[in-house]
Structures are given as structure tokens and as C-alpha cells.
Amino acid sequence: MKATTLKQSETLIKLGVDEKTADVCYYARLCDESGIMFEEPQLDMFIRDDKWPKTELIGWSLEALTSLLPIVKTEKHTYQPILHKISYYGKDAFYCAYEAENSKDTTTLNSYISENAIDAVFNVLVWILKNKKRIEMPSETFEKMKIEFQKNLKTAN
């Protein structure tokens, strides 16, 4: 399973994302099974549930991260988040964007391309969180509206 890095998680929390939406936690191991100390702590990732102790080391899987992407409504357009696996300069990559519904032209609010699906979604989400007032999005739409990615999400995993 892949998830946001600790730095990405910290950024999301600072931008107001509810920690309860995180579905992954990290546990720092200081030594191996035989008791030999590591030079640097090793992080193991687990599905977050009530069995694990509370920790500040949390993260979001791709599925949890994409569920945070709202539908964006402005005066001119309604924007849907999309995630596609693409070929970018001959390499596999992921394209995450906000594209206008039912627009005659291709109107994009924001987009990001990365070799990693989580990085692509993370960067688009951060942009939305930082610019939600500027794009005149009603806060109730931002907080309540969520979208499910169709088969593209499954392909990204």
C-alpha cells in the first residue's frame, strides 16, 4: 500500500484536513527483530483503526486522498476531479486535474502530472485547499461534496 509521506500529511493537517479522514498510520521501529538498533528509525505502515495507539504519524492512501477532492462550482463552470494514467515523455505518469463538466472547450481549473498517483492528487488537493476562497467555492460544497473515481482510481493503485 502506498500513502502520503509524513511531510505531505503534515501539510494537509496544516491546511485544515481532518485527521480522522486519514486511513494509514506509521509506526517507527528502532531495532530489528533480533534487537539490533537501526541507525535511523524505520517506518512501517498499517491500516489505521481503533486497535493502534493514537499517533501523529498518519497518512492518506490514494483512495482516502481522492475522497477529499470536492466538486468545485464557480459562476461559470462545475469542475470534476479526474485522475488518469498517461504516457508522459515515454514514461508512465498520472494526470490529476479539475476539468469543467459539459464545457464546449477543455476548461481546466488546475492540473498536475507526476510519476506517482498520490503526488499528483496531493498537489491538486493542496492547490484547491490554498485557493478555495479565490475560486469562490461555497464552503458547504467544499466540505460536503466528494467524488468517487471510476475505474481510473483502480488503475492508479
C-alpha atoms as a PDB file:
ATOM      1  CA  MET A   1       0.000   0.000   0.000  1.00  0.00           C
ATOM      2  CA  LYS A   2       1.187   3.493  -0.784  1.00  0.00           C
ATOM      3  CA  ALA A   3       0.254   6.588   1.167  1.00  0.00           C
ATOM      4  CA  THR A   4       1.166  10.223   1.627  1.00  0.00           C
ATOM      5  CA  THR A   5       4.569  10.906   3.095  1.00  0.00           C
ATOM      6  CA  LEU A   6       4.817  12.290   6.609  1.00  0.00           C
ATOM      7  CA  LYS A   7       5.653  15.716   5.174  1.00  0.00           C
ATOM      8  CA  GLN A   8       2.629  15.609   2.856  1.00  0.00           C
ATOM      9  CA  SER A   9       0.432  14.538   5.779  1.00  0.00           C
ATOM     10  CA  GLU A  10       1.723  17.431   7.875  1.00  0.00           C
ATOM     11  CA  THR A  11       0.894  19.833   5.032  1.00  0.00           C
ATOM     12  CA  LEU A  12      -2.673  18.511   4.759  1.00  0.00           C
ATOM     13  CA  ILE A  13      -3.221  18.856   8.505  1.00  0.00           C
ATOM     14  CA  LYS A  14      -1.876  22.438   8.460  1.00  0.00           C
ATOM     15  CA  LEU A  15      -4.321  23.212   5.635  1.00  0.00           C
ATOM     16  CA  GLY A  16      -7.222  22.016   7.769  1.00  0.00           C
ATOM     17  CA  VAL A  17      -7.834  18.453   6.580  1.00  0.00           C
ATOM     18  CA  ASP A  18      -9.479  16.451   9.356  1.00  0.00           C
ATOM     19  CA  GLU A  19      -7.042  13.896  10.787  1.00  0.00           C
ATOM     20  CA  LYS A  20      -9.916  11.448  11.188  1.00  0.00           C
ATOM     21  CA  THR A  21     -10.032  11.045   7.399  1.00  0.00           C
ATOM     22  CA  ALA A  22      -6.523   9.531   7.381  1.00  0.00           C
ATOM     23  CA  ASP A  23      -6.632   5.779   6.879  1.00  0.00           C
ATOM     24  CA  VAL A  24      -2.952   4.916   7.402  1.00  0.00           C
ATOM     25  CA  CYS A  25      -0.632   5.206  10.378  1.00  0.00           C
ATOM     26  CA  TYR A  26       3.123   4.833  10.624  1.00  0.00           C
ATOM     27  CA  TYR A  27       4.916   3.042  13.416  1.00  0.00           C
ATOM     28  CA  ALA A  28       8.595   3.784  13.991  1.00  0.00           C
ATOM     29  CA  ARG A  29      10.783   0.772  14.708  1.00  0.00           C
ATOM     30  CA  LEU A  30      14.067   1.459  16.470  1.00  0.00           C
ATOM     31  CA  CYS A  31      15.567  -2.039  16.131  1.00  0.00           C
ATOM     32  CA  ASP A  32      15.207  -5.186  14.056  1.00  0.00           C
ATOM     33  CA  GLU A  33      13.692  -8.489  15.203  1.00  0.00           C
ATOM     34  CA  SER A  34      16.995  -9.558  16.830  1.00  0.00           C
ATOM     35  CA  GLY A  35      17.221  -6.332  18.853  1.00  0.00           C
ATOM     36  CA  ILE A  36      19.956  -4.618  16.811  1.00  0.00           C
ATOM     37  CA  MET A  37      19.372  -0.869  16.764  1.00  0.00           C
ATOM     38  CA  PHE A  38      18.868   0.870  13.413  1.00  0.00           C
ATOM     39  CA  GLU A  39      20.941   3.948  12.648  1.00  0.00           C
ATOM     40  CA  GLU A  40      17.673   5.707  11.725  1.00  0.00           C
ATOM     41  CA  PRO A  41      14.152   4.654  12.803  1.00  0.00           C
ATOM     42  CA  GLN A  42      12.362   2.514  10.207  1.00  0.00           C
ATOM     43  CA  LEU A  43       8.751   3.376   9.432  1.00  0.00           C
ATOM     44  CA  ASP A  44       6.206   0.610   8.962  1.00  0.00           C
ATOM     45  CA  MET A  45       2.785   1.428   7.540  1.00  0.00           C
ATOM     46  CA  PHE A  46      -0.501  -0.015   8.820  1.00  0.00           C
ATOM     47  CA  ILE A  47      -4.177   0.430   8.086  1.00  0.00           C
ATOM     48  CA  ARG A  48      -5.391   2.867  10.720  1.00  0.00           C
ATOM     49  CA  ASP A  49      -8.061   1.557  13.064  1.00  0.00           C
ATOM     50  CA  ASP A  50      -9.012   1.644  16.738  1.00  0.00           C
ATOM     51  CA  LYS A  51      -6.542  -1.134  17.621  1.00  0.00           C
ATOM     52  CA  TRP A  52      -3.470   1.026  17.026  1.00  0.00           C
ATOM     53  CA  PRO A  53      -2.494   3.657  19.584  1.00  0.00           C
ATOM     54  CA  LYS A  54      -3.073   7.279  18.694  1.00  0.00           C
ATOM     55  CA  THR A  55      -0.149   8.591  16.718  1.00  0.00           C
ATOM     56  CA  GLU A  56       0.787  11.795  14.983  1.00  0.00           C
ATOM     57  CA  LEU A  57       2.360   9.704  12.242  1.00  0.00           C
ATOM     58  CA  ILE A  58      -0.648   9.403   9.947  1.00  0.00           C
ATOM     59  CA  GLY A  59      -1.167   9.290   6.212  1.00  0.00           C
ATOM     60  CA  TRP A  60      -3.762   9.029   3.474  1.00  0.00           C
ATOM     61  CA  SER A  61      -3.973   6.215   0.932  1.00  0.00           C
ATOM     62  CA  LEU A  62      -4.803   7.125  -2.654  1.00  0.00           C
ATOM     63  CA  GLU A  63      -8.436   6.202  -2.095  1.00  0.00           C
ATOM     64  CA  ALA A  64      -8.703   8.328   1.065  1.00  0.00           C
ATOM     65  CA  LEU A  65      -6.871  11.223  -0.588  1.00  0.00           C
ATOM     66  CA  THR A  66      -9.121  11.241  -3.662  1.00  0.00           C
ATOM     67  CA  SER A  67     -12.215  11.187  -1.448  1.00  0.00           C
ATOM     68  CA  LEU A  68     -11.088  14.604  -0.161  1.00  0.00           C
ATOM     69  CA  LEU A  69     -11.273  16.165  -3.639  1.00  0.00           C
ATOM     70  CA  PRO A  70     -14.507  18.161  -3.814  1.00  0.00           C
ATOM     71  CA  ILE A  71     -16.598  19.058  -6.812  1.00  0.00           C
ATOM     72  CA  VAL A  72     -15.843  22.729  -7.449  1.00  0.00           C
ATOM     73  CA  LYS A  73     -18.649  25.050  -8.504  1.00  0.00           C
ATOM     74  CA  THR A  74     -17.935  28.534  -9.786  1.00  0.00           C
ATOM     75  CA  GLU A  75     -20.215  31.020 -11.536  1.00  0.00           C
ATOM     76  CA  LYS A  76     -19.196  29.721 -14.972  1.00  0.00           C
ATOM     77  CA  HIS A  77     -18.443  26.011 -14.514  1.00  0.00           C
ATOM     78  CA  THR A  78     -18.723  22.945 -12.355  1.00  0.00           C
ATOM     79  CA  TYR A  79     -15.351  21.217 -12.153  1.00  0.00           C
ATOM     80  CA  GLN A  80     -14.888  17.491 -11.572  1.00  0.00           C
ATOM     81  CA  PRO A  81     -11.608  15.989 -10.348  1.00  0.00           C
ATOM     82  CA  ILE A  82     -10.121  13.395 -12.686  1.00  0.00           C
ATOM     83  CA  LEU A  83      -7.184  11.031 -12.438  1.00  0.00           C
ATOM     84  CA  HIS A  84      -5.733   9.306 -15.487  1.00  0.00           C
ATOM     85  CA  LYS A  85      -2.715   7.122 -16.058  1.00  0.00           C
ATOM     86  CA  ILE A  86      -0.872   8.563 -19.064  1.00  0.00           C
ATOM     87  CA  SER A  87       2.351   8.272 -21.002  1.00  0.00           C
ATOM     88  CA  TYR A  88       4.463  11.372 -20.398  1.00  0.00           C
ATOM     89  CA  TYR A  89       7.694  11.689 -22.367  1.00  0.00           C
ATOM     90  CA  GLY A  90       7.703   7.923 -22.805  1.00  0.00           C
ATOM     91  CA  LYS A  91       7.203   7.145 -19.104  1.00  0.00           C
ATOM     92  CA  ASP A  92       4.117   6.110 -17.167  1.00  0.00           C
ATOM     93  CA  ALA A  93       2.684   9.013 -15.229  1.00  0.00           C
ATOM     94  CA  PHE A  94      -0.515  10.185 -13.589  1.00  0.00           C
ATOM     95  CA  TYR A  95      -2.518  13.243 -14.574  1.00  0.00           C
ATOM     96  CA  CYS A  96      -4.819  14.724 -11.933  1.00  0.00           C
ATOM     97  CA  ALA A  97      -6.897  17.751 -12.824  1.00  0.00           C
ATOM     98  CA  TYR A  98     -10.124  19.649 -12.369  1.00  0.00           C
ATOM     99  CA  GLU A  99     -11.960  19.753 -15.679  1.00  0.00           C
ATOM    100  CA  ALA A 100     -15.204  21.556 -16.415  1.00  0.00           C
ATOM    101  CA  GLU A 101     -18.320  19.455 -16.928  1.00  0.00           C
ATOM    102  CA  ASN A 102     -20.227  19.911 -20.173  1.00  0.00           C
ATOM    103  CA  SER A 103     -17.869  22.579 -21.457  1.00  0.00           C
ATOM    104  CA  LYS A 104     -17.503  23.017 -25.211  1.00  0.00           C
ATOM    105  CA  ASP A 105     -13.805  23.657 -24.775  1.00  0.00           C
ATOM    106  CA  THR A 106     -11.377  21.970 -22.410  1.00  0.00           C
ATOM    107  CA  THR A 107     -11.507  24.196 -19.358  1.00  0.00           C
ATOM    108  CA  THR A 108      -9.140  23.137 -16.599  1.00  0.00           C
ATOM    109  CA  LEU A 109      -9.058  24.743 -13.170  1.00  0.00           C
ATOM    110  CA  ASN A 110      -5.805  23.079 -12.073  1.00  0.00           C
ATOM    111  CA  SER A 111      -3.717  20.069 -13.083  1.00  0.00           C
ATOM    112  CA  TYR A 112      -0.609  18.161 -12.051  1.00  0.00           C
ATOM    113  CA  ILE A 113       1.417  15.365 -13.643  1.00  0.00           C
ATOM    114  CA  SER A 114       3.583  13.022 -11.603  1.00  0.00           C
ATOM    115  CA  GLU A 115       5.119   9.555 -11.823  1.00  0.00           C
ATOM    116  CA  ASN A 116       3.260   8.860  -8.567  1.00  0.00           C
ATOM    117  CA  ALA A 117      -0.563   8.998  -8.387  1.00  0.00           C
ATOM    118  CA  ILE A 118      -0.526  10.142  -4.761  1.00  0.00           C
ATOM    119  CA  ASP A 119       1.792  13.058  -5.581  1.00  0.00           C
ATOM    120  CA  ALA A 120      -0.476  14.140  -8.453  1.00  0.00           C
ATOM    121  CA  VAL A 121      -3.627  14.065  -6.314  1.00  0.00           C
ATOM    122  CA  PHE A 122      -1.837  15.629  -3.329  1.00  0.00           C
ATOM    123  CA  ASN A 123      -0.609  18.624  -5.357  1.00  0.00           C
ATOM    124  CA  VAL A 124      -4.033  19.289  -6.876  1.00  0.00           C
ATOM    125  CA  LEU A 125      -5.706  18.985  -3.450  1.00  0.00           C
ATOM    126  CA  VAL A 126      -3.199  21.376  -1.866  1.00  0.00           C
ATOM    127  CA  TRP A 127      -3.857  23.897  -4.634  1.00  0.00           C
ATOM    128  CA  ILE A 128      -7.615  23.627  -4.025  1.00  0.00           C
ATOM    129  CA  LEU A 129      -7.189  23.999  -0.257  1.00  0.00           C
ATOM    130  CA  LYS A 130      -4.985  27.066  -0.667  1.00  0.00           C
ATOM    131  CA  ASN A 131      -7.220  28.698  -3.290  1.00  0.00           C
ATOM    132  CA  LYS A 132     -10.757  27.821  -2.225  1.00  0.00           C
ATOM    133  CA  LYS A 133     -11.614  31.425  -1.338  1.00  0.00           C
ATOM    134  CA  ARG A 134     -10.111  32.774  -4.543  1.00  0.00           C
ATOM    135  CA  ILE A 135     -12.161  30.439  -6.732  1.00  0.00           C
ATOM    136  CA  GLU A 136     -15.339  31.458  -4.877  1.00  0.00           C
ATOM    137  CA  MET A 137     -16.329  27.978  -3.858  1.00  0.00           C
ATOM    138  CA  PRO A 138     -19.134  27.738  -1.297  1.00  0.00           C
ATOM    139  CA  SER A 139     -17.702  26.210   1.865  1.00  0.00           C
ATOM    140  CA  GLU A 140     -20.626  23.775   2.144  1.00  0.00           C
ATOM    141  CA  THR A 141     -19.772  22.445  -1.311  1.00  0.00           C
ATOM    142  CA  PHE A 142     -16.134  22.128  -0.342  1.00  0.00           C
ATOM    143  CA  GLU A 143     -16.830  20.330   2.930  1.00  0.00           C
ATOM    144  CA  LYS A 144     -19.686  18.053   1.898  1.00  0.00           C
ATOM    145  CA  MET A 145     -19.238  17.212  -1.765  1.00  0.00           C
ATOM    146  CA  LYS A 146     -16.981  14.268  -2.538  1.00  0.00           C
ATOM    147  CA  ILE A 147     -16.480  12.270  -5.694  1.00  0.00           C
ATOM    148  CA  GLU A 148     -15.737   8.651  -6.395  1.00  0.00           C
ATOM    149  CA  PHE A 149     -13.216   7.939  -9.093  1.00  0.00           C
ATOM    150  CA  GLN A 150     -14.412   5.275 -11.513  1.00  0.00           C
ATOM    151  CA  LYS A 151     -12.031   2.668 -12.847  1.00  0.00           C
ATOM    152  CA  ASN A 152      -9.199   5.225 -13.145  1.00  0.00           C
ATOM    153  CA  LEU A 153      -8.646   5.029  -9.392  1.00  0.00           C
ATOM    154  CA  LYS A 154      -8.339   1.249  -9.564  1.00  0.00           C
ATOM    155  CA  THR A 155      -5.827   1.610 -12.389  1.00  0.00           C
ATOM    156  CA  ALA A 156      -3.801   4.075 -10.323  1.00  0.00           C
ATOM    157  CA  ASN A 157      -3.332   1.606  -7.497  1.00  0.00           C
END
